[in-house]
C-alpha atoms as a PDB file:
ATOM      1  CA  MET A   1    -100.984 -50.490  59.637  1.00  0.00           C
ATOM      2  CA  THR A   2    -104.097 -51.062  61.697  1.00  0.00           C
ATOM      3  CA  GLU A   3    -103.881 -49.459  65.095  1.00  0.00           C
ATOM      4  CA  GLN A   4    -104.305 -52.022  67.821  1.00  0.00           C
ATOM      5  CA  PRO A   5    -106.836 -51.223  70.542  1.00  0.00           C
ATOM      6  CA  THR A   6    -105.378 -50.213  73.859  1.00  0.00           C
ATOM      7  CA  ALA A   7    -105.824 -52.848  76.527  1.00  0.00           C
ATOM      8  CA  PRO A   8    -108.017 -51.653  79.357  1.00  0.00           C
ATOM      9  CA  ARG A   9    -106.303 -50.782  82.588  1.00  0.00           C
ATOM     10  CA  ALA A  10    -106.587 -53.352  85.328  1.00  0.00           C
ATOM     11  CA  VAL A  11    -109.281 -52.413  87.815  1.00  0.00           C
ATOM     12  CA  PRO A  12    -107.913 -52.311  91.367  1.00  0.00           C
ATOM     13  CA  THR A  13    -109.478 -54.811  93.770  1.00  0.00           C
ATOM     14  CA  SER A  14    -109.882 -55.018  97.524  1.00  0.00           C
ATOM     15  CA  ALA A  15    -107.018 -57.543  97.491  1.00  0.00           C
ATOM     16  CA  ASP A  16    -104.751 -54.859  95.998  1.00  0.00           C
ATOM     17  CA  VAL A  17    -105.784 -52.439  98.720  1.00  0.00           C
ATOM     18  CA  ALA A  18    -105.159 -55.088 101.386  1.00  0.00           C
ATOM     19  CA  ARG A  19    -101.616 -55.704 100.079  1.00  0.00           C
ATOM     20  CA  ARG A  20    -100.869 -51.982  99.866  1.00  0.00           C
ATOM     21  CA  ALA A  21    -102.129 -51.358 103.419  1.00  0.00           C
ATOM     22  CA  GLY A  22    -100.724 -54.573 104.886  1.00  0.00           C
ATOM     23  CA  VAL A  23    -104.086 -55.813 106.196  1.00  0.00           C
ATOM     24  CA  SER A  24    -106.625 -58.511 105.398  1.00  0.00           C
ATOM     25  CA  ARG A  25    -109.430 -58.119 102.828  1.00  0.00           C
ATOM     26  CA  ALA A  26    -111.940 -58.313 105.667  1.00  0.00           C
ATOM     27  CA  THR A  27    -110.255 -55.344 107.317  1.00  0.00           C
ATOM     28  CA  VAL A  28    -110.483 -53.429 104.030  1.00  0.00           C
ATOM     29  CA  SER A  29    -114.224 -54.099 103.944  1.00  0.00           C
ATOM     30  CA  TYR A  30    -114.653 -53.058 107.572  1.00  0.00           C
ATOM     31  CA  ALA A  31    -112.628 -49.884 107.103  1.00  0.00           C
ATOM     32  CA  LEU A  32    -114.256 -48.680 103.874  1.00  0.00           C
ATOM     33  CA  ASN A  33    -117.814 -49.535 104.901  1.00  0.00           C
ATOM     34  CA  ASP A  34    -117.504 -48.191 108.461  1.00  0.00           C
ATOM     35  CA  THR A  35    -118.549 -51.505 109.950  1.00  0.00           C
ATOM     36  CA  ALA A  36    -117.170 -53.748 112.685  1.00  0.00           C
ATOM     37  CA  GLY A  37    -117.355 -50.990 115.257  1.00  0.00           C
ATOM     38  CA  GLY A  38    -114.159 -50.676 117.256  1.00  0.00           C
ATOM     39  CA  ARG A  39    -112.525 -53.761 115.746  1.00  0.00           C
ATOM     40  CA  VAL A  40    -110.638 -51.535 113.308  1.00  0.00           C
ATOM     41  CA  SER A  41    -108.536 -48.785 114.824  1.00  0.00           C
ATOM     42  CA  GLU A  42    -108.724 -45.293 113.415  1.00  0.00           C
ATOM     43  CA  GLN A  43    -105.060 -45.538 112.422  1.00  0.00           C
ATOM     44  CA  THR A  44    -105.736 -48.717 110.413  1.00  0.00           C
ATOM     45  CA  ARG A  45    -108.862 -47.218 108.900  1.00  0.00           C
ATOM     46  CA  GLU A  46    -106.906 -44.198 107.664  1.00  0.00           C
ATOM     47  CA  ARG A  47    -104.139 -46.435 106.255  1.00  0.00           C
ATOM     48  CA  VAL A  48    -106.718 -48.470 104.305  1.00  0.00           C
ATOM     49  CA  ARG A  49    -108.433 -45.343 102.989  1.00  0.00           C
ATOM     50  CA  ALA A  50    -105.101 -43.882 101.897  1.00  0.00           C
ATOM     51  CA  ALA A  51    -104.212 -47.117 100.061  1.00  0.00           C
ATOM     52  CA  ALA A  52    -107.616 -47.141  98.338  1.00  0.00           C
ATOM     53  CA  ALA A  53    -107.162 -43.518  97.274  1.00  0.00           C
ATOM     54  CA  ASP A  54    -103.670 -44.200  95.910  1.00  0.00           C
ATOM     55  CA  LEU A  55    -104.938 -47.136  93.837  1.00  0.00           C
ATOM     56  CA  GLY A  56    -108.174 -45.490  92.759  1.00  0.00           C
ATOM     57  CA  TYR A  57    -110.201 -48.287  94.353  1.00  0.00           C
ATOM     58  CA  VAL A  58    -113.955 -47.860  94.833  1.00  0.00           C
ATOM     59  CA  PRO A  59    -116.064 -50.552  96.547  1.00  0.00           C
ATOM     60  CA  HIS A  60    -118.274 -52.484  94.124  1.00  0.00           C
ATOM     61  CA  ALA A  61    -121.911 -51.523  94.552  1.00  0.00           C
ATOM     62  CA  ALA A  62    -123.164 -54.948  93.459  1.00  0.00           C
ATOM     63  CA  ALA A  63    -121.067 -56.710  96.093  1.00  0.00           C
ATOM     64  CA  ARG A  64    -122.300 -54.303  98.746  1.00  0.00           C
ATOM     65  CA  SER A  65    -125.869 -54.952  97.602  1.00  0.00           C
ATOM     66  CA  LEU A  66    -125.410 -58.704  98.049  1.00  0.00           C
ATOM     67  CA  ARG A  67    -124.256 -58.177 101.611  1.00  0.00           C
ATOM     68  CA  ALA A  68    -127.059 -55.766 102.459  1.00  0.00           C
ATOM     69  CA  GLY A  69    -129.786 -57.681 100.651  1.00  0.00           C
ATOM     70  CA  HIS A  70    -130.788 -54.632  98.587  1.00  0.00           C
ATOM     71  CA  THR A  71    -129.189 -52.073  96.260  1.00  0.00           C
ATOM     72  CA  GLY A  72    -129.527 -49.087  98.572  1.00  0.00           C
ATOM     73  CA  ILE A  73    -130.817 -47.016  95.641  1.00  0.00           C
ATOM     74  CA  VAL A  74    -133.612 -44.546  96.363  1.00  0.00           C
ATOM     75  CA  LEU A  75    -135.069 -43.531  93.005  1.00  0.00           C
ATOM     76  CA  LEU A  76    -136.565 -40.032  92.805  1.00  0.00           C
ATOM     77  CA  THR A  77    -138.701 -39.335  89.737  1.00  0.00           C
ATOM     78  CA  ILE A  78    -138.553 -35.634  88.938  1.00  0.00           C
ATOM     79  CA  PRO A  79    -140.980 -33.972  86.491  1.00  0.00           C
ATOM     80  CA  GLU A  80    -140.082 -31.528  83.754  1.00  0.00           C
ATOM     81  CA  ILE A  81    -141.767 -28.783  85.790  1.00  0.00           C
ATOM     82  CA  VAL A  82    -139.089 -26.630  87.436  1.00  0.00           C
ATOM     83  CA  PHE A  83    -139.705 -26.269  91.159  1.00  0.00           C
ATOM     84  CA  GLY A  84    -138.806 -23.151  93.083  1.00  0.00           C
ATOM     85  CA  PRO A  85    -135.937 -22.698  95.550  1.00  0.00           C
ATOM     86  CA  LEU A  86    -138.037 -23.875  98.512  1.00  0.00           C
ATOM     87  CA  PHE A  87    -138.574 -27.309  96.980  1.00  0.00           C
ATOM     88  CA  ALA A  88    -134.976 -27.409  95.735  1.00  0.00           C
ATOM     89  CA  ARG A  89    -133.727 -26.877  99.301  1.00  0.00           C
ATOM     90  CA  PHE A  90    -136.115 -29.556 100.567  1.00  0.00           C
ATOM     91  CA  LEU A  91    -134.829 -31.973  97.911  1.00  0.00           C
ATOM     92  CA  HIS A  92    -131.218 -31.235  98.889  1.00  0.00           C
ATOM     93  CA  GLU A  93    -131.989 -31.899 102.565  1.00  0.00           C
ATOM     94  CA  MET A  94    -133.700 -35.182 101.717  1.00  0.00           C
ATOM     95  CA  ARG A  95    -130.807 -36.396  99.567  1.00  0.00           C
ATOM     96  CA  THR A  96    -128.313 -35.429 102.284  1.00  0.00           C
ATOM     97  CA  GLY A  97    -130.383 -37.287 104.873  1.00  0.00           C
ATOM     98  CA  LEU A  98    -130.639 -40.392 102.701  1.00  0.00           C
ATOM     99  CA  ARG A  99    -126.866 -40.373 102.182  1.00  0.00           C
ATOM    100  CA  ALA A 100    -126.412 -40.237 105.958  1.00  0.00           C
ATOM    101  CA  HIS A 101    -128.570 -43.374 106.221  1.00  0.00           C
ATOM    102  CA  GLY A 102    -126.348 -45.122 103.670  1.00  0.00           C
ATOM    103  CA  TYR A 103    -128.546 -44.818 100.570  1.00  0.00           C
ATOM    104  CA  THR A 104    -127.650 -43.671  97.074  1.00  0.00           C
ATOM    105  CA  THR A 105    -130.085 -41.235  95.469  1.00  0.00           C
ATOM    106  CA  VAL A 106    -130.737 -41.601  91.747  1.00  0.00           C
ATOM    107  CA  ILE A 107    -132.856 -38.988  89.946  1.00  0.00           C
ATOM    108  CA  HIS A 108    -134.938 -40.219  87.022  1.00  0.00           C
ATOM    109  CA  GLY A 109    -136.531 -37.580  84.787  1.00  0.00           C
ATOM    110  CA  THR A 110    -140.125 -38.049  83.695  1.00  0.00           C
ATOM    111  CA  SER A 111    -142.381 -36.193  81.291  1.00  0.00           C
ATOM    112  CA  GLY A 112    -145.657 -37.750  82.353  1.00  0.00           C
ATOM    113  CA  GLY A 113    -147.822 -40.248  80.514  1.00  0.00           C
ATOM    114  CA  GLU A 114    -147.609 -43.947  81.254  1.00  0.00           C
ATOM    115  CA  ALA A 115    -145.439 -44.696  84.259  1.00  0.00           C
ATOM    116  CA  PRO A 116    -142.133 -46.304  83.226  1.00  0.00           C
ATOM    117  CA  ALA A 117    -142.285 -48.659  86.222  1.00  0.00           C
ATOM    118  CA  SER A 118    -140.588 -51.442  84.273  1.00  0.00           C
ATOM    119  CA  ALA A 119    -137.625 -49.132  83.521  1.00  0.00           C
ATOM    120  CA  TRP A 120    -137.426 -48.185  87.185  1.00  0.00           C
ATOM    121  CA  ALA A 121    -137.620 -51.845  88.212  1.00  0.00           C
ATOM    122  CA  GLU A 122    -134.591 -52.669  86.041  1.00  0.00           C
ATOM    123  CA  LEU A 123    -132.499 -50.526  88.407  1.00  0.00           C
ATOM    124  CA  ARG A 124    -133.720 -52.632  91.342  1.00  0.00           C
ATOM    125  CA  PRO A 125    -134.299 -49.587  93.570  1.00  0.00           C
ATOM    126  CA  THR A 126    -134.719 -50.186  97.265  1.00  0.00           C
ATOM    127  CA  ALA A 127    -137.276 -47.352  97.365  1.00  0.00           C
ATOM    128  CA  VAL A 128    -139.074 -45.165  94.827  1.00  0.00           C
ATOM    129  CA  VAL A 129    -140.351 -41.638  95.509  1.00  0.00           C
ATOM    130  CA  SER A 130    -142.667 -40.769  92.645  1.00  0.00           C
ATOM    131  CA  SER A 131    -143.616 -37.239  91.589  1.00  0.00           C
ATOM    132  CA  PRO A 132    -147.203 -36.185  90.771  1.00  0.00           C
ATOM    133  CA  SER A 133    -146.552 -36.219  87.016  1.00  0.00           C
ATOM    134  CA  SER A 134    -145.067 -39.714  86.782  1.00  0.00           C
ATOM    135  CA  GLY A 135    -148.415 -41.414  86.179  1.00  0.00           C
ATOM    136  CA  LEU A 136    -147.593 -44.244  88.588  1.00  0.00           C
ATOM    137  CA  THR A 137    -150.384 -46.833  88.715  1.00  0.00           C
ATOM    138  CA  PRO A 138    -151.290 -49.567  91.223  1.00  0.00           C
ATOM    139  CA  GLU A 139    -150.002 -52.080  88.666  1.00  0.00           C
ATOM    140  CA  GLY A 140    -146.703 -50.200  88.563  1.00  0.00           C
ATOM    141  CA  VAL A 141    -146.447 -50.280  92.356  1.00  0.00           C
ATOM    142  CA  ASP A 142    -147.079 -54.037  92.302  1.00  0.00           C
ATOM    143  CA  LEU A 143    -144.390 -54.545  89.636  1.00  0.00           C
ATOM    144  CA  LEU A 144    -141.858 -52.582  91.686  1.00  0.00           C
ATOM    145  CA  ARG A 145    -142.639 -54.477  94.863  1.00  0.00           C
ATOM    146  CA  ARG A 146    -142.384 -57.845  93.083  1.00  0.00           C
ATOM    147  CA  SER A 147    -139.001 -56.819  91.642  1.00  0.00           C
ATOM    148  CA  GLY A 148    -137.618 -56.143  95.117  1.00  0.00           C
ATOM    149  CA  THR A 149    -138.480 -52.502  95.870  1.00  0.00           C
ATOM    150  CA  ARG A 150    -139.195 -52.350  99.578  1.00  0.00           C
ATOM    151  CA  THR A 151    -141.307 -49.205  99.652  1.00  0.00           C
ATOM    152  CA  VAL A 152    -142.964 -46.858  97.167  1.00  0.00           C
ATOM    153  CA  LEU A 153    -144.022 -43.308  98.018  1.00  0.00           C
ATOM    154  CA  THR A 154    -145.919 -40.830  95.856  1.00  0.00           C
ATOM    155  CA  ILE A 155    -145.944 -37.046  96.192  1.00  0.00           C
ATOM    156  CA  GLY A 156    -149.417 -35.640  95.626  1.00  0.00           C
ATOM    157  CA  ASP A 157    -152.956 -35.567  96.927  1.00  0.00           C
ATOM    158  CA  ALA A 158    -154.223 -38.500  94.835  1.00  0.00           C
ATOM    159  CA  PRO A 159    -153.275 -41.782  96.564  1.00  0.00           C
ATOM    160  CA  VAL A 160    -152.072 -44.759  94.534  1.00  0.00           C
ATOM    161  CA  ALA A 161    -153.015 -48.200  95.843  1.00  0.00           C
ATOM    162  CA  GLY A 162    -150.067 -49.912  97.484  1.00  0.00           C
ATOM    163  CA  ALA A 163    -147.973 -46.738  97.858  1.00  0.00           C
ATOM    164  CA  HIS A 164    -147.508 -44.385 100.768  1.00  0.00           C
ATOM    165  CA  THR A 165    -148.667 -40.836 100.039  1.00  0.00           C
ATOM    166  CA  LEU A 166    -146.720 -37.640 100.721  1.00  0.00           C
ATOM    167  CA  THR A 167    -149.330 -34.891 100.523  1.00  0.00           C
ATOM    168  CA  LEU A 168    -148.887 -31.251  99.589  1.00  0.00           C
ATOM    169  CA  ASP A 169    -152.100 -29.417 100.440  1.00  0.00           C
ATOM    170  CA  GLN A 170    -152.660 -27.353  97.301  1.00  0.00           C
ATOM    171  CA  ALA A 171    -156.209 -26.438  98.347  1.00  0.00           C
ATOM    172  CA  GLY A 172    -154.783 -25.072 101.593  1.00  0.00           C
ATOM    173  CA  ILE A 173    -152.624 -22.648  99.625  1.00  0.00           C
ATOM    174  CA  GLY A 174    -155.680 -21.216  97.863  1.00  0.00           C
ATOM    175  CA  ALA A 175    -157.642 -21.075 101.098  1.00  0.00           C
ATOM    176  CA  CYS A 176    -154.791 -19.267 102.847  1.00  0.00           C
ATOM    177  CA  ALA A 177    -154.643 -16.607 100.113  1.00  0.00           C
ATOM    178  CA  ALA A 178    -158.431 -16.213 100.076  1.00  0.00           C
ATOM    179  CA  GLY A 179    -158.577 -15.896 103.850  1.00  0.00           C
ATOM    180  CA  HIS A 180    -156.114 -13.011 103.742  1.00  0.00           C
ATOM    181  CA  LEU A 181    -158.069 -11.206 101.040  1.00  0.00           C
ATOM    182  CA  MET A 182    -161.333 -11.769 102.899  1.00  0.00           C
ATOM    183  CA  ALA A 183    -159.858 -10.428 106.135  1.00  0.00           C
ATOM    184  CA  ALA A 184    -158.847  -7.272 104.234  1.00  0.00           C
ATOM    185  CA  GLY A 185    -162.472  -6.752 103.211  1.00  0.00           C
ATOM    186  CA  HIS A 186    -162.434  -8.140  99.661  1.00  0.00           C
ATOM    187  CA  ARG A 187    -165.614  -9.976  98.660  1.00  0.00           C
ATOM    188  CA  ARG A 188    -165.278 -10.067  94.862  1.00  0.00           C
ATOM    189  CA  ILE A 189    -161.994 -11.617  93.785  1.00  0.00           C
ATOM    190  CA  GLY A 190    -160.443 -13.378  90.834  1.00  0.00           C
ATOM    191  CA  ALA A 191    -158.397 -16.588  90.908  1.00  0.00           C
ATOM    192  CA  ILE A 192    -155.844 -17.209  88.170  1.00  0.00           C
ATOM    193  CA  VAL A 193    -155.791 -20.656  86.545  1.00  0.00           C
ATOM    194  CA  PRO A 194    -152.857 -21.125  84.112  1.00  0.00           C
ATOM    195  CA  THR A 195    -153.876 -22.378  80.681  1.00  0.00           C
ATOM    196  CA  ASP A 196    -150.943 -24.802  80.808  1.00  0.00           C
ATOM    197  CA  ARG A 197    -152.833 -28.033  81.535  1.00  0.00           C
ATOM    198  CA  THR A 198    -149.746 -29.715  83.019  1.00  0.00           C
ATOM    199  CA  LEU A 199    -150.261 -27.370  85.985  1.00  0.00           C
ATOM    200  CA  ASP A 200    -153.865 -28.479  86.614  1.00  0.00           C
ATOM    201  CA  ARG A 201    -152.805 -30.797  89.428  1.00  0.00           C
ATOM    202  CA  PHE A 202    -151.710 -27.663  91.304  1.00  0.00           C
ATOM    203  CA  SER A 203    -153.924 -24.884  89.970  1.00  0.00           C
ATOM    204  CA  LEU A 204    -157.331 -26.572  90.201  1.00  0.00           C
ATOM    205  CA  PRO A 205    -157.009 -27.616  93.864  1.00  0.00           C
ATOM    206  CA  ARG A 206    -155.793 -24.082  94.663  1.00  0.00           C
ATOM    207  CA  LEU A 207    -158.904 -22.698  92.935  1.00  0.00           C
ATOM    208  CA  ASP A 208    -161.064 -25.108  94.963  1.00  0.00           C
ATOM    209  CA  GLY A 209    -159.411 -23.834  98.132  1.00  0.00           C
ATOM    210  CA  VAL A 210    -160.239 -20.220  97.235  1.00  0.00           C
ATOM    211  CA  ARG A 211    -163.846 -21.119  96.496  1.00  0.00           C
ATOM    212  CA  ALA A 212    -164.204 -23.101  99.702  1.00  0.00           C
ATOM    213  CA  ALA A 213    -162.917 -20.164 101.765  1.00  0.00           C
ATOM    214  CA  PHE A 214    -165.512 -17.831 100.228  1.00  0.00           C
ATOM    215  CA  ALA A 215    -168.387 -20.329 100.296  1.00  0.00           C
ATOM    216  CA  GLY A 216    -171.296 -19.297 102.497  1.00  0.00           C
ATOM    217  CA  HIS A 217    -170.363 -15.620 102.624  1.00  0.00           C
ATOM    218  CA  GLY A 218    -173.280 -13.633 101.246  1.00  0.00           C
ATOM    219  CA  GLY A 219    -172.454 -11.209  98.458  1.00  0.00           C
ATOM    220  CA  SER A 220    -169.064 -12.769  97.813  1.00  0.00           C
ATOM    221  CA  ARG A 221    -167.856 -13.879  94.399  1.00  0.00           C
ATOM    222  CA  VAL A 222    -164.878 -15.834  93.080  1.00  0.00           C
ATOM    223  CA  GLU A 223    -164.249 -15.608  89.349  1.00  0.00           C
ATOM    224  CA  ARG A 224    -162.006 -18.098  87.609  1.00  0.00           C
ATOM    225  CA  LEU A 225    -159.600 -16.293  85.259  1.00  0.00           C
ATOM    226  CA  ASP A 226    -157.703 -18.533  82.807  1.00  0.00           C
ATOM    227  CA  LEU A 227    -154.423 -16.910  81.818  1.00  0.00           C
ATOM    228  CA  ASP A 228    -151.537 -17.643  79.471  1.00  0.00           C
ATOM    229  CA  TYR A 229    -148.097 -16.933  80.871  1.00  0.00           C
ATOM    230  CA  THR A 230    -147.534 -14.082  78.401  1.00  0.00           C
ATOM    231  CA  GLU A 231    -147.396 -10.316  78.595  1.00  0.00           C
ATOM    232  CA  GLU A 232    -150.203 -10.084  76.028  1.00  0.00           C
ATOM    233  CA  SER A 233    -152.566 -12.204  78.113  1.00  0.00           C
ATOM    234  CA  ALA A 234    -151.747 -10.222  81.268  1.00  0.00           C
ATOM    235  CA  ALA A 235    -152.315  -6.935  79.415  1.00  0.00           C
ATOM    236  CA  ARG A 236    -155.764  -8.089  78.277  1.00  0.00           C
ATOM    237  CA  LEU A 237    -156.758  -8.955  81.839  1.00  0.00           C
ATOM    238  CA  ALA A 238    -155.472  -5.590  83.091  1.00  0.00           C
ATOM    239  CA  GLY A 239    -157.418  -3.827  80.323  1.00  0.00           C
ATOM    240  CA  HIS A 240    -160.710  -5.300  81.591  1.00  0.00           C
ATOM    241  CA  TRP A 241    -159.953  -5.070  85.309  1.00  0.00           C
ATOM    242  CA  ARG A 242    -161.909  -1.919  86.150  1.00  0.00           C
ATOM    243  CA  GLU A 243    -165.075  -3.127  84.458  1.00  0.00           C
ATOM    244  CA  SER A 244    -164.843  -6.569  86.090  1.00  0.00           C
ATOM    245  CA  GLY A 245    -165.886  -5.291  89.506  1.00  0.00           C
ATOM    246  CA  LEU A 246    -163.164  -7.382  91.173  1.00  0.00           C
ATOM    247  CA  THR A 247    -160.972  -5.897  93.896  1.00  0.00           C
ATOM    248  CA  GLY A 248    -158.579  -8.733  94.768  1.00  0.00           C
ATOM    249  CA  LEU A 249    -156.704 -11.443  92.907  1.00  0.00           C
ATOM    250  CA  PHE A 250    -155.074 -14.733  93.845  1.00  0.00           C
ATOM    251  CA  THR A 251    -152.499 -15.128  91.091  1.00  0.00           C
ATOM    252  CA  TYR A 252    -151.763 -18.912  91.432  1.00  0.00           C
ATOM    253  CA  ASN A 253    -148.063 -18.271  92.126  1.00  0.00           C
ATOM    254  CA  ASP A 254    -145.497 -15.488  92.406  1.00  0.00           C
ATOM    255  CA  GLU A 255    -144.424 -15.666  88.759  1.00  0.00           C
ATOM    256  CA  PHE A 256    -147.956 -14.933  87.556  1.00  0.00           C
ATOM    257  CA  ALA A 257    -148.234 -12.261  90.258  1.00  0.00           C
ATOM    258  CA  LEU A 258    -145.165 -10.447  88.937  1.00  0.00           C
ATOM    259  CA  LEU A 259    -146.426 -10.760  85.365  1.00  0.00           C
ATOM    260  CA  LEU A 260    -149.745  -9.191  86.376  1.00  0.00           C
ATOM    261  CA  LEU A 261    -148.142  -6.560  88.584  1.00  0.00           C
ATOM    262  CA  SER A 262    -146.227  -5.271  85.584  1.00  0.00           C
ATOM    263  CA  ALA A 263    -149.349  -5.294  83.384  1.00  0.00           C
ATOM    264  CA  PHE A 264    -151.398  -3.476  86.028  1.00  0.00           C
ATOM    265  CA  GLN A 265    -148.748  -0.804  86.454  1.00  0.00           C
ATOM    266  CA  ASP A 266    -148.624  -0.294  82.678  1.00  0.00           C
ATOM    267  CA  ALA A 267    -152.416   0.106  82.668  1.00  0.00           C
ATOM    268  CA  GLY A 268    -152.379   2.643  85.532  1.00  0.00           C
ATOM    269  CA  ILE A 269    -154.049   0.244  87.980  1.00  0.00           C
ATOM    270  CA  ARG A 270    -152.786   0.815  91.514  1.00  0.00           C
ATOM    271  CA  VAL A 271    -151.636  -2.148  93.573  1.00  0.00           C
ATOM    272  CA  PRO A 272    -153.041  -2.603  96.170  1.00  0.00           C
ATOM    273  CA  GLY A 273    -155.377   0.388  95.848  1.00  0.00           C
ATOM    274  CA  ASP A 274    -157.270  -0.860  92.765  1.00  0.00           C
ATOM    275  CA  ALA A 275    -156.187  -4.499  92.825  1.00  0.00           C
ATOM    276  CA  ALA A 276    -154.867  -6.480  95.791  1.00  0.00           C
ATOM    277  CA  LEU A 277    -152.533  -9.275  94.640  1.00  0.00           C
ATOM    278  CA  VAL A 278    -151.597 -12.448  96.530  1.00  0.00           C
ATOM    279  CA  GLY A 279    -149.110 -14.921  95.035  1.00  0.00           C
ATOM    280  CA  ALA A 280    -147.689 -18.213  96.258  1.00  0.00           C
ATOM    281  CA  ASP A 281    -144.242 -19.806  96.741  1.00  0.00           C
ATOM    282  CA  ASP A 282    -142.463 -16.785  98.301  1.00  0.00           C
ATOM    283  CA  LEU A 283    -139.819 -16.365  95.612  1.00  0.00           C
ATOM    284  CA  MET A 284    -136.942 -13.975  96.280  1.00  0.00           C
ATOM    285  CA  LEU A 285    -138.245 -11.678  93.529  1.00  0.00           C
ATOM    286  CA  ALA A 286    -141.480 -11.322  95.500  1.00  0.00           C
ATOM    287  CA  ARG A 287    -139.482  -9.476  98.150  1.00  0.00           C
ATOM    288  CA  LEU A 288    -137.513  -7.338  95.723  1.00  0.00           C
ATOM    289  CA  THR A 289    -140.346  -5.980  93.581  1.00  0.00           C
ATOM    290  CA  ARG A 290    -142.238  -2.801  94.461  1.00  0.00           C
ATOM    291  CA  PRO A 291    -144.735  -3.010  95.958  1.00  0.00           C
ATOM    292  CA  ARG A 292    -143.423  -6.066  97.765  1.00  0.00           C
ATOM    293  CA  LEU A 293    -145.596  -9.054  97.001  1.00  0.00           C
ATOM    294  CA  THR A 294    -147.895 -10.646  99.561  1.00  0.00           C
ATOM    295  CA  THR A 295    -147.605 -14.402  99.078  1.00  0.00           C
ATOM    296  CA  VAL A 296    -148.363 -17.829 100.503  1.00  0.00           C
ATOM    297  CA  ARG A 297    -145.351 -19.759 101.711  1.00  0.00           C
ATOM    298  CA  GLN A 298    -145.274 -23.548 101.925  1.00  0.00           C
ATOM    299  CA  GLU A 299    -143.588 -24.627 105.139  1.00  0.00           C
ATOM    300  CA  LEU A 300    -142.211 -27.986 104.015  1.00  0.00           C
ATOM    301  CA  THR A 301    -141.234 -30.746 106.405  1.00  0.00           C
ATOM    302  CA  ASP A 302    -137.481 -30.920 106.918  1.00  0.00           C
ATOM    303  CA  GLY A 303    -136.009 -33.107 104.182  1.00  0.00           C
ATOM    304  CA  GLY A 304    -133.923 -34.967 106.752  1.00  0.00           C
ATOM    305  CA  THR A 305    -137.106 -35.987 108.559  1.00  0.00           C
ATOM    306  CA  LEU A 306    -138.482 -37.413 105.321  1.00  0.00           C
ATOM    307  CA  ALA A 307    -135.208 -39.295 104.772  1.00  0.00           C
ATOM    308  CA  GLY A 308    -135.716 -40.872 108.190  1.00  0.00           C
ATOM    309  CA  LEU A 309    -139.253 -41.881 107.228  1.00  0.00           C
ATOM    310  CA  ILE A 310    -138.014 -43.504 104.008  1.00  0.00           C
ATOM    311  CA  ASP A 311    -135.356 -45.400 105.976  1.00  0.00           C
ATOM    312  CA  ARG A 312    -138.010 -46.657 108.421  1.00  0.00           C
ATOM    313  CA  LEU A 313    -140.265 -47.847 105.602  1.00  0.00           C
ATOM    314  CA  ILE A 314    -137.325 -49.610 103.919  1.00  0.00           C
ATOM    315  CA  ARG A 315    -136.446 -51.420 107.133  1.00  0.00           C
ATOM    316  CA  HIS A 316    -140.117 -52.287 107.735  1.00  0.00           C
ATOM    317  CA  PRO A 317    -141.504 -52.923 104.227  1.00  0.00           C
ATOM    318  CA  ASP A 318    -144.740 -54.429 105.555  1.00  0.00           C
ATOM    319  CA  THR A 319    -145.768 -51.171 107.247  1.00  0.00           C
ATOM    320  CA  PRO A 320    -149.442 -50.495 106.350  1.00  0.00           C
ATOM    321  CA  VAL A 321    -149.856 -47.826 103.673  1.00  0.00           C
ATOM    322  CA  GLU A 322    -149.916 -44.369 105.277  1.00  0.00           C
ATOM    323  CA  SER A 323    -150.422 -40.739 104.292  1.00  0.00           C
ATOM    324  CA  HIS A 324    -147.857 -38.184 105.466  1.00  0.00           C
ATOM    325  CA  ASP A 325    -148.270 -34.402 105.306  1.00  0.00           C
ATOM    326  CA  LEU A 326    -145.280 -32.669 103.705  1.00  0.00           C
ATOM    327  CA  GLY A 327    -146.038 -29.253 105.128  1.00  0.00           C
ATOM    328  CA  SER A 328    -148.496 -26.427 105.649  1.00  0.00           C
ATOM    329  CA  ALA A 329    -149.261 -23.000 104.149  1.00  0.00           C
ATOM    330  CA  ARG A 330    -148.983 -19.589 105.775  1.00  0.00           C
ATOM    331  CA  ILE A 331    -149.485 -16.072 104.500  1.00  0.00           C
ATOM    332  CA  VAL A 332    -146.524 -13.722 104.206  1.00  0.00           C
ATOM    333  CA  ALA A 333    -148.153 -10.300 104.286  1.00  0.00           C
ATOM    334  CA  ARG A 334    -146.321  -7.515 102.510  1.00  0.00           C
ATOM    335  CA  ASP A 335    -147.492  -4.532 100.470  1.00  0.00           C
ATOM    336  CA  SER A 336    -149.513  -5.851  97.513  1.00  0.00           C
ATOM    337  CA  ALA A 337    -152.525  -6.981  99.548  1.00  0.00           C
END
């Protein structure tokens, strides 16, 4: 005997909630969407919410979108690169702030290449915040705007026509590290550039910042050192350190700094006596290792402030394209430099 499919359960409606709570459907809408100001008493609001919870009723997003004139979706495109805890906290603050403004955050993974703007547009996002690796183009921005997206923002130093830019000063990180090494008397330093080309958008501006800080100082030298993120590559660099004539090293970030610190210790190279190391990102491990790692910390804008900016740009979609600084860099001096 063929088993008959089970009929789907009836989906509760706002009319069901209204009957359960003994109120009108309009009152249900007011109570669940926190509208109508004082026209709905707190007692009635709680009775409606209790009825909705009992029935398993959730307001329909599409209906809410029709009332608001937009979906309320803020689409965040996140790259495959794993960000550190500082950026993770910033992202959490931004999502919390957007929720407080009534928006729903949707995260869309991206691996680079051609921007999937058409796929994003199918979701009808009210706003898009695009990561550096998304490959968003001016044509993609135009497609999103024509499909109803009210504002598009990109994170990165390279502006995209039609989109607001949220800048992270990567060159400033390199300059901050170089300034600390220079102040400590180092004139011949190395700057690590990861061989992973997906990191070029971060590593090359940081290298430029180091070079700019040392430019014009007679007798100074900055040597670019390309490095794999492997123990073997770090050991090779440590093996040639003494003959290189370098005394300081900007390691690109804290992870490479810790990799090199281990290799230097294995090779009998004293840190900071023979090699002064400066990382970036201020990871927790940078504080726990010995010697404690000197690093550059990015002081990011409060994520709630950025959520407020996104809300303003949504409400005023014709705002001229602007550039907004996401933060600044400062040295955290410890024991390695």
